[in-house]
Amino acid sequence: MKKLAAALIGMSIAATTAAQAEESAVTATALGAVSGSALQESRPLPGYPVSALKDQQRYGRVVLGYDVAQDGTVTNVQVLSAYPVQVFTRAATRAVENWRLAPGYAGTRQVEFTFQAE
């Protein structure tokens, strides 16, 4: 019975944390000169890490650098700065690694993600 109660409490906490993550905002800002014609085909934002909410991390910022290949794929994603260190970097890095941009606009780019919990 105690195991069942603990499991239900754990599920309740996970559901509450997931609901809080949905209420959290993540914004992205392109840094440097970006051509208006370099339209993104797929550029999903990272999710707010549930672990950050559990640890009461309500704000974070990550700046990433990345290369865009001729075919529009993103390569060489690097963390340029992060606050707090290593709290939001995984979510931001994974999101950018999955971006697909319009072909023909190869180059090096930077993006800043701001994470804010409500």
PDB file of N, CA and C in Angstrom:
ATOM      1  N   MET A   1       0.815  -1.188   0.000  1.00  0.00           N
ATOM      2  CA  MET A   1       0.000   0.000   0.000  1.00  0.00           C
ATOM      3  C   MET A   1       0.864   1.258   0.000  1.00  0.00           C
ATOM      4  N   LYS A   2       1.982   1.223   0.780  1.00  0.00           N
ATOM      5  CA  LYS A   2       2.861   2.385   0.832  1.00  0.00           C
ATOM      6  C   LYS A   2       3.498   2.649  -0.522  1.00  0.00           C
ATOM      7  N   LYS A   3       3.840   1.559  -1.236  1.00  0.00           N
ATOM      8  CA  LYS A   3       4.441   1.721  -2.565  1.00  0.00           C
ATOM      9  C   LYS A   3       3.448   2.366  -3.528  1.00  0.00           C
ATOM     10  N   LEU A   4       2.199   1.957  -3.448  1.00  0.00           N
ATOM     11  CA  LEU A   4       1.169   2.529  -4.302  1.00  0.00           C
ATOM     12  C   LEU A   4       0.967   4.003  -3.990  1.00  0.00           C
ATOM     13  N   ALA A   5       0.933   4.351  -2.721  1.00  0.00           N
ATOM     14  CA  ALA A   5       0.768   5.749  -2.323  1.00  0.00           C
ATOM     15  C   ALA A   5       1.952   6.580  -2.803  1.00  0.00           C
ATOM     16  N   ALA A   6       3.161   6.049  -2.662  1.00  0.00           N
ATOM     17  CA  ALA A   6       4.352   6.763  -3.121  1.00  0.00           C
ATOM     18  C   ALA A   6       4.327   6.939  -4.636  1.00  0.00           C
ATOM     19  N   ALA A   7       3.881   5.913  -5.355  1.00  0.00           N
ATOM     20  CA  ALA A   7       3.795   6.004  -6.811  1.00  0.00           C
ATOM     21  C   ALA A   7       2.777   7.058  -7.227  1.00  0.00           C
ATOM     22  N   LEU A   8       1.634   7.088  -6.548  1.00  0.00           N
ATOM     23  CA  LEU A   8       0.604   8.083  -6.868  1.00  0.00           C
ATOM     24  C   LEU A   8       1.088   9.497  -6.566  1.00  0.00           C
ATOM     25  N   ILE A   9       1.807   9.672  -5.459  1.00  0.00           N
ATOM     26  CA  ILE A   9       2.360  10.991  -5.133  1.00  0.00           C
ATOM     27  C   ILE A   9       3.373  11.394  -6.184  1.00  0.00           C
ATOM     28  N   GLY A  10       4.229  10.452  -6.589  1.00  0.00           N
ATOM     29  CA  GLY A  10       5.214  10.730  -7.633  1.00  0.00           C
ATOM     30  C   GLY A  10       4.556  11.118  -8.940  1.00  0.00           C
ATOM     31  N   MET A  11       3.466  10.419  -9.304  1.00  0.00           N
ATOM     32  CA  MET A  11       2.738  10.751 -10.534  1.00  0.00           C
ATOM     33  C   MET A  11       2.119  12.131 -10.423  1.00  0.00           C
ATOM     34  N   SER A  12       1.591  12.473  -9.254  1.00  0.00           N
ATOM     35  CA  SER A  12       0.979  13.779  -9.039  1.00  0.00           C
ATOM     36  C   SER A  12       2.014  14.892  -9.180  1.00  0.00           C
ATOM     37  N   ILE A  13       3.195  14.693  -8.589  1.00  0.00           N
ATOM     38  CA  ILE A  13       4.259  15.687  -8.696  1.00  0.00           C
ATOM     39  C   ILE A  13       4.694  15.843 -10.145  1.00  0.00           C
ATOM     40  N   ALA A  14       4.849  14.723 -10.858  1.00  0.00           N
ATOM     41  CA  ALA A  14       5.254  14.775 -12.266  1.00  0.00           C
ATOM     42  C   ALA A  14       4.217  15.500 -13.107  1.00  0.00           C
ATOM     43  N   ALA A  15       2.929  15.247 -12.853  1.00  0.00           N
ATOM     44  CA  ALA A  15       1.870  15.907 -13.611  1.00  0.00           C
ATOM     45  C   ALA A  15       1.851  17.401 -13.317  1.00  0.00           C
ATOM     46  N   THR A  16       2.044  17.784 -12.066  1.00  0.00           N
ATOM     47  CA  THR A  16       2.075  19.195 -11.696  1.00  0.00           C
ATOM     48  C   THR A  16       3.256  19.889 -12.348  1.00  0.00           C
ATOM     49  N   THR A  17       4.422  19.249 -12.314  1.00  0.00           N
ATOM     50  CA  THR A  17       5.613  19.831 -12.920  1.00  0.00           C
ATOM     51  C   THR A  17       5.443  19.960 -14.424  1.00  0.00           C
ATOM     52  N   ALA A  18       4.843  18.958 -15.064  1.00  0.00           N
ATOM     53  CA  ALA A  18       4.608  19.026 -16.508  1.00  0.00           C
ATOM     54  C   ALA A  18       3.652  20.173 -16.835  1.00  0.00           C
ATOM     55  N   ALA A  19       2.630  20.371 -16.014  1.00  0.00           N
ATOM     56  CA  ALA A  19       1.696  21.478 -16.248  1.00  0.00           C
ATOM     57  C   ALA A  19       2.410  22.815 -16.087  1.00  0.00           C
ATOM     58  N   GLN A  20       3.299  22.923 -15.103  1.00  0.00           N
ATOM     59  CA  GLN A  20       4.062  24.156 -14.927  1.00  0.00           C
ATOM     60  C   GLN A  20       4.959  24.414 -16.133  1.00  0.00           C
ATOM     61  N   ALA A  21       5.549  23.354 -16.693  1.00  0.00           N
ATOM     62  CA  ALA A  21       6.427  23.505 -17.854  1.00  0.00           C
ATOM     63  C   ALA A  21       5.642  24.054 -19.041  1.00  0.00           C
ATOM     64  N   GLU A  22       4.371  23.641 -19.178  1.00  0.00           N
ATOM     65  CA  GLU A  22       3.553  24.153 -20.269  1.00  0.00           C
ATOM     66  C   GLU A  22       3.265  25.639 -20.102  1.00  0.00           C
ATOM     67  N   GLU A  23       3.235  26.130 -18.865  1.00  0.00           N
ATOM     68  CA  GLU A  23       2.970  27.533 -18.601  1.00  0.00           C
ATOM     69  C   GLU A  23       4.226  28.387 -18.705  1.00  0.00           C
ATOM     70  N   SER A  24       5.372  27.764 -18.844  1.00  0.00           N
ATOM     71  CA  SER A  24       6.639  28.477 -18.907  1.00  0.00           C
ATOM     72  C   SER A  24       6.898  28.957 -20.327  1.00  0.00           C
ATOM     73  N   ALA A  25       7.607  30.053 -20.421  1.00  0.00           N
ATOM     74  CA  ALA A  25       7.869  30.636 -21.729  1.00  0.00           C
ATOM     75  C   ALA A  25       9.331  30.453 -22.117  1.00  0.00           C
ATOM     76  N   VAL A  26       9.547  30.168 -23.392  1.00  0.00           N
ATOM     77  CA  VAL A  26      10.885  30.112 -23.955  1.00  0.00           C
ATOM     78  C   VAL A  26      10.864  30.997 -25.190  1.00  0.00           C
ATOM     79  N   THR A  27      11.807  31.926 -25.265  1.00  0.00           N
ATOM     80  CA  THR A  27      11.900  32.786 -26.434  1.00  0.00           C
ATOM     81  C   THR A  27      13.272  32.640 -27.063  1.00  0.00           C
ATOM     82  N   ALA A  28      13.340  32.886 -28.366  1.00  0.00           N
ATOM     83  CA  ALA A  28      14.604  32.810 -29.098  1.00  0.00           C
ATOM     84  C   ALA A  28      14.846  34.126 -29.800  1.00  0.00           C
ATOM     85  N   THR A  29      16.079  34.591 -29.768  1.00  0.00           N
ATOM     86  CA  THR A  29      16.462  35.822 -30.439  1.00  0.00           C
ATOM     87  C   THR A  29      17.695  35.542 -31.287  1.00  0.00           C
ATOM     88  N   ALA A  30      17.601  35.796 -32.589  1.00  0.00           N
ATOM     89  CA  ALA A  30      18.760  35.628 -33.466  1.00  0.00           C
ATOM     90  C   ALA A  30      19.747  36.748 -33.171  1.00  0.00           C
ATOM     91  N   LEU A  31      21.012  36.404 -33.064  1.00  0.00           N
ATOM     92  CA  LEU A  31      22.048  37.388 -32.779  1.00  0.00           C
ATOM     93  C   LEU A  31      22.889  37.620 -34.028  1.00  0.00           C
ATOM     94  N   GLY A  32      23.322  38.847 -34.230  1.00  0.00           N
ATOM     95  CA  GLY A  32      24.131  39.169 -35.400  1.00  0.00           C
ATOM     96  C   GLY A  32      23.266  39.408 -36.620  1.00  0.00           C
ATOM     97  N   ALA A  33      23.905  39.588 -37.747  1.00  0.00           N
ATOM     98  CA  ALA A  33      23.194  39.865 -38.997  1.00  0.00           C
ATOM     99  C   ALA A  33      22.618  38.577 -39.564  1.00  0.00           C
ATOM    100  N   VAL A  34      21.315  38.543 -39.712  1.00  0.00           N
ATOM    101  CA  VAL A  34      20.629  37.405 -40.306  1.00  0.00           C
ATOM    102  C   VAL A  34      19.780  37.926 -41.444  1.00  0.00           C
ATOM    103  N   SER A  35      19.981  37.377 -42.613  1.00  0.00           N
ATOM    104  CA  SER A  35      19.224  37.810 -43.785  1.00  0.00           C
ATOM    105  C   SER A  35      17.751  37.486 -43.613  1.00  0.00           C
ATOM    106  N   GLY A  36      16.893  38.438 -43.948  1.00  0.00           N
ATOM    107  CA  GLY A  36      15.460  38.221 -43.864  1.00  0.00           C
ATOM    108  C   GLY A  36      14.990  37.151 -44.826  1.00  0.00           C
ATOM    109  N   SER A  37      15.758  36.914 -45.896  1.00  0.00           N
ATOM    110  CA  SER A  37      15.370  35.897 -46.862  1.00  0.00           C
ATOM    111  C   SER A  37      15.818  34.503 -46.450  1.00  0.00           C
ATOM    112  N   ALA A  38      16.595  34.398 -45.374  1.00  0.00           N
ATOM    113  CA  ALA A  38      17.035  33.084 -44.878  1.00  0.00           C
ATOM    114  C   ALA A  38      15.939  32.501 -43.995  1.00  0.00           C
ATOM    115  N   LEU A  39      14.795  32.241 -44.569  1.00  0.00           N
ATOM    116  CA  LEU A  39      13.639  31.774 -43.809  1.00  0.00           C
ATOM    117  C   LEU A  39      13.869  30.372 -43.264  1.00  0.00           C
ATOM    118  N   GLN A  40      13.436  30.165 -42.048  1.00  0.00           N
ATOM    119  CA  GLN A  40      13.551  28.857 -41.435  1.00  0.00           C
ATOM    120  C   GLN A  40      12.393  27.979 -41.882  1.00  0.00           C
ATOM    121  N   GLU A  41      12.708  26.738 -42.216  1.00  0.00           N
ATOM    122  CA  GLU A  41      11.663  25.786 -42.561  1.00  0.00           C
ATOM    123  C   GLU A  41      11.118  25.124 -41.306  1.00  0.00           C
ATOM    124  N   SER A  42      12.000  24.806 -40.363  1.00  0.00           N
ATOM    125  CA  SER A  42      11.596  24.168 -39.118  1.00  0.00           C
ATOM    126  C   SER A  42      12.534  24.634 -38.019  1.00  0.00           C
ATOM    127  N   ARG A  43      11.980  25.358 -37.049  1.00  0.00           N
ATOM    128  CA  ARG A  43      12.802  25.916 -35.975  1.00  0.00           C
ATOM    129  C   ARG A  43      12.032  25.843 -34.656  1.00  0.00           C
ATOM    130  N   PRO A  44      11.779  24.617 -34.168  1.00  0.00           N
ATOM    131  CA  PRO A  44      11.032  24.496 -32.907  1.00  0.00           C
ATOM    132  C   PRO A  44      11.836  25.008 -31.717  1.00  0.00           C
ATOM    133  N   LEU A  45      11.144  25.607 -30.776  1.00  0.00           N
ATOM    134  CA  LEU A  45      11.781  26.083 -29.548  1.00  0.00           C
ATOM    135  C   LEU A  45      11.991  24.915 -28.591  1.00  0.00           C
ATOM    136  N   PRO A  46      12.995  25.024 -27.730  1.00  0.00           N
ATOM    137  CA  PRO A  46      13.181  23.964 -26.734  1.00  0.00           C
ATOM    138  C   PRO A  46      12.066  23.991 -25.704  1.00  0.00           C
ATOM    139  N   GLY A  47      11.816  22.853 -25.109  1.00  0.00           N
ATOM    140  CA  GLY A  47      10.865  22.786 -24.009  1.00  0.00           C
ATOM    141  C   GLY A  47      11.533  23.261 -22.729  1.00  0.00           C
ATOM    142  N   TYR A  48      10.722  23.688 -21.780  1.00  0.00           N
ATOM    143  CA  TYR A  48      11.256  24.103 -20.487  1.00  0.00           C
ATOM    144  C   TYR A  48      11.585  22.834 -19.707  1.00  0.00           C
ATOM    145  N   PRO A  49      12.834  22.645 -19.306  1.00  0.00           N
ATOM    146  CA  PRO A  49      13.210  21.403 -18.628  1.00  0.00           C
ATOM    147  C   PRO A  49      12.458  21.196 -17.315  1.00  0.00           C
ATOM    148  N   VAL A  50      11.851  20.043 -17.163  1.00  0.00           N
ATOM    149  CA  VAL A  50      11.119  19.719 -15.946  1.00  0.00           C
ATOM    150  C   VAL A  50      12.066  19.737 -14.747  1.00  0.00           C
ATOM    151  N   SER A  51      13.303  19.288 -14.956  1.00  0.00           N
ATOM    152  CA  SER A  51      14.271  19.274 -13.849  1.00  0.00           C
ATOM    153  C   SER A  51      14.552  20.686 -13.347  1.00  0.00           C
ATOM    154  N   ALA A  52      14.501  21.673 -14.228  1.00  0.00           N
ATOM    155  CA  ALA A  52      14.724  23.060 -13.805  1.00  0.00           C
ATOM    156  C   ALA A  52      13.599  23.527 -12.891  1.00  0.00           C
ATOM    157  N   LEU A  53      12.376  23.138 -13.204  1.00  0.00           N
ATOM    158  CA  LEU A  53      11.247  23.512 -12.360  1.00  0.00           C
ATOM    159  C   LEU A  53      11.331  22.825 -10.996  1.00  0.00           C
ATOM    160  N   LYS A  54      11.735  21.573 -11.001  1.00  0.00           N
ATOM    161  CA  LYS A  54      11.872  20.843  -9.735  1.00  0.00           C
ATOM    162  C   LYS A  54      12.925  21.495  -8.849  1.00  0.00           C
ATOM    163  N   ASP A  55      13.972  22.033  -9.479  1.00  0.00           N
ATOM    164  CA  ASP A  55      15.061  22.671  -8.735  1.00  0.00           C
ATOM    165  C   ASP A  55      14.822  24.161  -8.504  1.00  0.00           C
ATOM    166  N   GLN A  56      13.592  24.623  -8.785  1.00  0.00           N
ATOM    167  CA  GLN A  56      13.212  26.024  -8.578  1.00  0.00           C
ATOM    168  C   GLN A  56      14.021  27.004  -9.439  1.00  0.00           C
ATOM    169  N   GLN A  57      14.465  26.563 -10.616  1.00  0.00           N
ATOM    170  CA  GLN A  57      15.163  27.440 -11.557  1.00  0.00           C
ATOM    171  C   GLN A  57      14.098  28.130 -12.408  1.00  0.00           C
ATOM    172  N   ARG A  58      13.798  29.369 -12.118  1.00  0.00           N
ATOM    173  CA  ARG A  58      12.717  30.095 -12.779  1.00  0.00           C
ATOM    174  C   ARG A  58      13.175  30.909 -13.983  1.00  0.00           C
ATOM    175  N   TYR A  59      14.481  31.120 -14.124  1.00  0.00           N
ATOM    176  CA  TYR A  59      14.988  31.937 -15.230  1.00  0.00           C
ATOM    177  C   TYR A  59      16.307  31.355 -15.715  1.00  0.00           C
ATOM    178  N   GLY A  60      16.513  31.438 -17.011  1.00  0.00           N
ATOM    179  CA  GLY A  60      17.785  30.998 -17.574  1.00  0.00           C
ATOM    180  C   GLY A  60      18.013  31.602 -18.938  1.00  0.00           C
ATOM    181  N   ARG A  61      19.259  31.568 -19.353  1.00  0.00           N
ATOM    182  CA  ARG A  61      19.631  32.138 -20.650  1.00  0.00           C
ATOM    183  C   ARG A  61      20.743  31.286 -21.227  1.00  0.00           C
ATOM    184  N   VAL A  62      20.628  30.945 -22.511  1.00  0.00           N
ATOM    185  CA  VAL A  62      21.648  30.159 -23.206  1.00  0.00           C
ATOM    186  C   VAL A  62      21.910  30.814 -24.555  1.00  0.00           C
ATOM    187  N   VAL A  63      23.188  31.036 -24.861  1.00  0.00           N
ATOM    188  CA  VAL A  63      23.589  31.540 -26.180  1.00  0.00           C
ATOM    189  C   VAL A  63      24.338  30.417 -26.880  1.00  0.00           C
ATOM    190  N   LEU A  64      23.859  30.072 -28.080  1.00  0.00           N
ATOM    191  CA  LEU A  64      24.470  29.001 -28.865  1.00  0.00           C
ATOM    192  C   LEU A  64      25.003  29.549 -30.179  1.00  0.00           C
ATOM    193  N   GLY A  65      26.096  28.970 -30.634  1.00  0.00           N
ATOM    194  CA  GLY A  65      26.606  29.223 -31.971  1.00  0.00           C
ATOM    195  C   GLY A  65      26.408  27.949 -32.776  1.00  0.00           C
ATOM    196  N   TYR A  66      26.150  28.086 -34.073  1.00  0.00           N
ATOM    197  CA  TYR A  66      25.943  26.903 -34.907  1.00  0.00           C
ATOM    198  C   TYR A  66      26.251  27.236 -36.358  1.00  0.00           C
ATOM    199  N   ASP A  67      26.524  26.200 -37.126  1.00  0.00           N
ATOM    200  CA  ASP A  67      26.779  26.346 -38.555  1.00  0.00           C
ATOM    201  C   ASP A  67      25.582  25.824 -39.321  1.00  0.00           C
ATOM    202  N   VAL A  68      25.303  26.465 -40.453  1.00  0.00           N
ATOM    203  CA  VAL A  68      24.238  26.019 -41.343  1.00  0.00           C
ATOM    204  C   VAL A  68      24.899  25.551 -42.634  1.00  0.00           C
ATOM    205  N   ALA A  69      24.641  24.305 -43.011  1.00  0.00           N
ATOM    206  CA  ALA A  69      25.189  23.734 -44.244  1.00  0.00           C
ATOM    207  C   ALA A  69      24.372  24.214 -45.446  1.00  0.00           C
ATOM    208  N   GLN A  70      24.894  24.014 -46.635  1.00  0.00           N
ATOM    209  CA  GLN A  70      24.209  24.435 -47.871  1.00  0.00           C
ATOM    210  C   GLN A  70      22.810  23.834 -47.996  1.00  0.00           C
ATOM    211  N   ASP A  71      22.629  22.612 -47.468  1.00  0.00           N
ATOM    212  CA  ASP A  71      21.319  21.967 -47.575  1.00  0.00           C
ATOM    213  C   ASP A  71      20.348  22.401 -46.471  1.00  0.00           C
ATOM    214  N   GLY A  72      20.794  23.307 -45.579  1.00  0.00           N
ATOM    215  CA  GLY A  72      19.923  23.832 -44.538  1.00  0.00           C
ATOM    216  C   GLY A  72      20.004  23.100 -43.215  1.00  0.00           C
ATOM    217  N   THR A  73      20.825  22.058 -43.127  1.00  0.00           N
ATOM    218  CA  THR A  73      20.963  21.352 -41.858  1.00  0.00           C
ATOM    219  C   THR A  73      21.891  22.125 -40.923  1.00  0.00           C
ATOM    220  N   VAL A  74      21.672  21.950 -39.650  1.00  0.00           N
ATOM    221  CA  VAL A  74      22.458  22.634 -38.625  1.00  0.00           C
ATOM    222  C   VAL A  74      23.525  21.669 -38.100  1.00  0.00           C
ATOM    223  N   THR A  75      24.744  22.159 -38.000  1.00  0.00           N
ATOM    224  CA  THR A  75      25.854  21.355 -37.497  1.00  0.00           C
ATOM    225  C   THR A  75      26.659  22.180 -36.498  1.00  0.00           C
ATOM    226  N   ASN A  76      27.542  21.511 -35.798  1.00  0.00           N
ATOM    227  CA  ASN A  76      28.520  22.174 -34.941  1.00  0.00           C
ATOM    228  C   ASN A  76      27.877  23.127 -33.928  1.00  0.00           C
ATOM    229  N   VAL A  77      26.874  22.653 -33.209  1.00  0.00           N
ATOM    230  CA  VAL A  77      26.211  23.480 -32.195  1.00  0.00           C
ATOM    231  C   VAL A  77      27.125  23.576 -30.969  1.00  0.00           C
ATOM    232  N   GLN A  78      27.392  24.795 -30.532  1.00  0.00           N
ATOM    233  CA  GLN A  78      28.276  25.011 -29.386  1.00  0.00           C
ATOM    234  C   GLN A  78      27.639  25.989 -28.407  1.00  0.00           C
ATOM    235  N   VAL A  79      27.816  25.725 -27.127  1.00  0.00           N
ATOM    236  CA  VAL A  79      27.340  26.630 -26.085  1.00  0.00           C
ATOM    237  C   VAL A  79      28.363  27.744 -25.938  1.00  0.00           C
ATOM    238  N   LEU A  80      27.928  28.981 -26.187  1.00  0.00           N
ATOM    239  CA  LEU A  80      28.809  30.140 -26.045  1.00  0.00           C
ATOM    240  C   LEU A  80      28.727  30.732 -24.647  1.00  0.00           C
ATOM    241  N   SER A  81      27.535  30.720 -24.067  1.00  0.00           N
ATOM    242  CA  SER A  81      27.358  31.135 -22.674  1.00  0.00           C
ATOM    243  C   SER A  81      26.044  30.566 -22.161  1.00  0.00           C
ATOM    244  N   ALA A  82      25.988  30.399 -20.847  1.00  0.00           N
ATOM    245  CA  ALA A  82      24.775  29.860 -20.232  1.00  0.00           C
ATOM    246  C   ALA A  82      24.697  30.318 -18.784  1.00  0.00           C
ATOM    247  N   TYR A  83      23.481  30.674 -18.370  1.00  0.00           N
ATOM    248  CA  TYR A  83      23.222  31.016 -16.983  1.00  0.00           C
ATOM    249  C   TYR A  83      21.844  30.474 -16.611  1.00  0.00           C
ATOM    250  N   PRO A  84      21.732  29.731 -15.546  1.00  0.00           N
ATOM    251  CA  PRO A  84      22.785  29.080 -14.794  1.00  0.00           C
ATOM    252  C   PRO A  84      23.458  27.996 -15.642  1.00  0.00           C
ATOM    253  N   VAL A  85      24.678  27.688 -15.293  1.00  0.00           N
ATOM    254  CA  VAL A  85      25.477  26.749 -16.070  1.00  0.00           C
ATOM    255  C   VAL A  85      24.824  25.368 -16.082  1.00  0.00           C
ATOM    256  N   GLN A  86      24.670  24.792 -17.250  1.00  0.00           N
ATOM    257  CA  GLN A  86      24.193  23.425 -17.510  1.00  0.00           C
ATOM    258  C   GLN A  86      22.753  23.129 -17.104  1.00  0.00           C
ATOM    259  N   VAL A  87      21.963  24.123 -16.810  1.00  0.00           N
ATOM    260  CA  VAL A  87      20.573  23.848 -16.454  1.00  0.00           C
ATOM    261  C   VAL A  87      19.700  23.770 -17.709  1.00  0.00           C
ATOM    262  N   PHE A  88      19.886  24.688 -18.629  1.00  0.00           N
ATOM    263  CA  PHE A  88      19.052  24.767 -19.824  1.00  0.00           C
ATOM    264  C   PHE A  88      19.803  24.402 -21.114  1.00  0.00           C
ATOM    265  N   THR A  89      21.090  24.112 -21.015  1.00  0.00           N
ATOM    266  CA  THR A  89      21.907  23.898 -22.219  1.00  0.00           C
ATOM    267  C   THR A  89      21.482  22.674 -23.021  1.00  0.00           C
ATOM    268  N   ARG A  90      21.142  21.587 -22.362  1.00  0.00           N
ATOM    269  CA  ARG A  90      20.756  20.376 -23.093  1.00  0.00           C
ATOM    270  C   ARG A  90      19.503  20.609 -23.928  1.00  0.00           C
ATOM    271  N   ALA A  91      18.483  21.218 -23.336  1.00  0.00           N
ATOM    272  CA  ALA A  91      17.234  21.476 -24.066  1.00  0.00           C
ATOM    273  C   ALA A  91      17.479  22.401 -25.254  1.00  0.00           C
ATOM    274  N   ALA A  92      18.256  23.454 -25.034  1.00  0.00           N
ATOM    275  CA  ALA A  92      18.531  24.408 -26.111  1.00  0.00           C
ATOM    276  C   ALA A  92      19.343  23.764 -27.223  1.00  0.00           C
ATOM    277  N   THR A  93      20.376  23.008 -26.857  1.00  0.00           N
ATOM    278  CA  THR A  93      21.237  22.368 -27.849  1.00  0.00           C
ATOM    279  C   THR A  93      20.463  21.358 -28.678  1.00  0.00           C
ATOM    280  N   ARG A  94      19.664  20.541 -28.038  1.00  0.00           N
ATOM    281  CA  ARG A  94      18.881  19.534 -28.781  1.00  0.00           C
ATOM    282  C   ARG A  94      17.899  20.182 -29.750  1.00  0.00           C
ATOM    283  N   ALA A  95      17.292  21.283 -29.330  1.00  0.00           N
ATOM    284  CA  ALA A  95      16.347  21.967 -30.221  1.00  0.00           C
ATOM    285  C   ALA A  95      17.058  22.465 -31.468  1.00  0.00           C
ATOM    286  N   VAL A  96      18.202  23.130 -31.297  1.00  0.00           N
ATOM    287  CA  VAL A  96      18.919  23.693 -32.448  1.00  0.00           C
ATOM    288  C   VAL A  96      19.461  22.583 -33.345  1.00  0.00           C
ATOM    289  N   GLU A  97      19.894  21.490 -32.776  1.00  0.00           N
ATOM    290  CA  GLU A  97      20.392  20.375 -33.587  1.00  0.00           C
ATOM    291  C   GLU A  97      19.319  19.830 -34.521  1.00  0.00           C
ATOM    292  N   ASN A  98      18.053  20.032 -34.165  1.00  0.00           N
ATOM    293  CA  ASN A  98      16.945  19.544 -34.997  1.00  0.00           C
ATOM    294  C   ASN A  98      16.391  20.591 -35.953  1.00  0.00           C
ATOM    295  N   TRP A  99      16.932  21.792 -35.936  1.00  0.00           N
ATOM    296  CA  TRP A  99      16.459  22.824 -36.852  1.00  0.00           C
ATOM    297  C   TRP A  99      16.811  22.470 -38.285  1.00  0.00           C
ATOM    298  N   ARG A 100      15.951  22.882 -39.200  1.00  0.00           N
ATOM    299  CA  ARG A 100      16.201  22.774 -40.634  1.00  0.00           C
ATOM    300  C   ARG A 100      15.868  24.129 -41.242  1.00  0.00           C
ATOM    301  N   LEU A 101      16.849  24.743 -41.885  1.00  0.00           N
ATOM    302  CA  LEU A 101      16.658  26.060 -42.475  1.00  0.00           C
ATOM    303  C   LEU A 101      16.567  25.954 -43.991  1.00  0.00           C
ATOM    304  N   ALA A 102      16.184  27.037 -44.615  1.00  0.00           N
ATOM    305  CA  ALA A 102      16.060  27.056 -46.071  1.00  0.00           C
ATOM    306  C   ALA A 102      17.430  26.791 -46.697  1.00  0.00           C
ATOM    307  N   PRO A 103      17.501  25.902 -47.690  1.00  0.00           N
ATOM    308  CA  PRO A 103      18.779  25.628 -48.358  1.00  0.00           C
ATOM    309  C   PRO A 103      19.352  26.882 -49.015  1.00  0.00           C
ATOM    310  N   GLY A 104      20.670  26.931 -49.092  1.00  0.00           N
ATOM    311  CA  GLY A 104      21.323  28.030 -49.803  1.00  0.00           C
ATOM    312  C   GLY A 104      21.795  29.158 -48.922  1.00  0.00           C
ATOM    313  N   TYR A 105      21.559  29.107 -47.622  1.00  0.00           N
ATOM    314  CA  TYR A 105      21.977  30.187 -46.732  1.00  0.00           C
ATOM    315  C   TYR A 105      22.969  29.671 -45.696  1.00  0.00           C
ATOM    316  N   ALA A 106      24.030  29.062 -46.199  1.00  0.00           N
ATOM    317  CA  ALA A 106      25.060  28.494 -45.323  1.00  0.00           C
ATOM    318  C   ALA A 106      25.786  29.607 -44.581  1.00  0.00           C
ATOM    319  N   GLY A 107      26.285  29.282 -43.406  1.00  0.00           N
ATOM    320  CA  GLY A 107      27.049  30.240 -42.632  1.00  0.00           C
ATOM    321  C   GLY A 107      26.994  29.928 -41.160  1.00  0.00           C
ATOM    322  N   THR A 108      27.637  30.775 -40.394  1.00  0.00           N
ATOM    323  CA  THR A 108      27.671  30.632 -38.938  1.00  0.00           C
ATOM    324  C   THR A 108      26.657  31.585 -38.337  1.00  0.00           C
ATOM    325  N   ARG A 109      25.904  31.094 -37.378  1.00  0.00           N
ATOM    326  CA  ARG A 109      24.856  31.886 -36.750  1.00  0.00           C
ATOM    327  C   ARG A 109      24.939  31.756 -35.237  1.00  0.00           C
ATOM    328  N   GLN A 110      24.216  32.643 -34.543  1.00  0.00           N
ATOM    329  CA  GLN A 110      24.079  32.571 -33.094  1.00  0.00           C
ATOM    330  C   GLN A 110      22.620  32.809 -32.731  1.00  0.00           C
ATOM    331  N   VAL A 111      22.204  32.193 -31.635  1.00  0.00           N
ATOM    332  CA  VAL A 111      20.852  32.384 -31.141  1.00  0.00           C
ATOM    333  C   VAL A 111      20.916  32.424 -29.612  1.00  0.00           C
ATOM    334  N   GLU A 112      20.056  33.250 -29.036  1.00  0.00           N
ATOM    335  CA  GLU A 112      19.937  33.337 -27.585  1.00  0.00           C
ATOM    336  C   GLU A 112      18.548  32.855 -27.184  1.00  0.00           C
ATOM    337  N   PHE A 113      18.507  31.915 -26.242  1.00  0.00           N
ATOM    338  CA  PHE A 113      17.246  31.437 -25.683  1.00  0.00           C
ATOM    339  C   PHE A 113      17.096  32.002 -24.283  1.00  0.00           C
ATOM    340  N   THR A 114      15.903  32.485 -23.992  1.00  0.00           N
ATOM    341  CA  THR A 114      15.583  32.951 -22.652  1.00  0.00           C
ATOM    342  C   THR A 114      14.464  32.062 -22.117  1.00  0.00           C
ATOM    343  N   PHE A 115      14.698  31.468 -20.962  1.00  0.00           N
ATOM    344  CA  PHE A 115      13.735  30.588 -20.305  1.00  0.00           C
ATOM    345  C   PHE A 115      13.158  31.343 -19.114  1.00  0.00           C
ATOM    346  N   GLN A 116      11.838  31.407 -19.021  1.00  0.00           N
ATOM    347  CA  GLN A 116      11.184  32.122 -17.918  1.00  0.00           C
ATOM    348  C   GLN A 116       9.982  31.316 -17.449  1.00  0.00           C
ATOM    349  N   ALA A 117       9.997  30.908 -16.195  1.00  0.00           N
ATOM    350  CA  ALA A 117       8.861  30.177 -15.626  1.00  0.00           C
ATOM    351  C   ALA A 117       7.838  31.181 -15.121  1.00  0.00           C
ATOM    352  N   GLU A 118       6.601  30.864 -15.310  1.00  0.00           N
ATOM    353  CA  GLU A 118       5.500  31.731 -14.866  1.00  0.00           C
ATOM    354  C   GLU A 118       5.310  31.615 -13.380  1.00  0.00           C
TER     355      GLU A 118
END
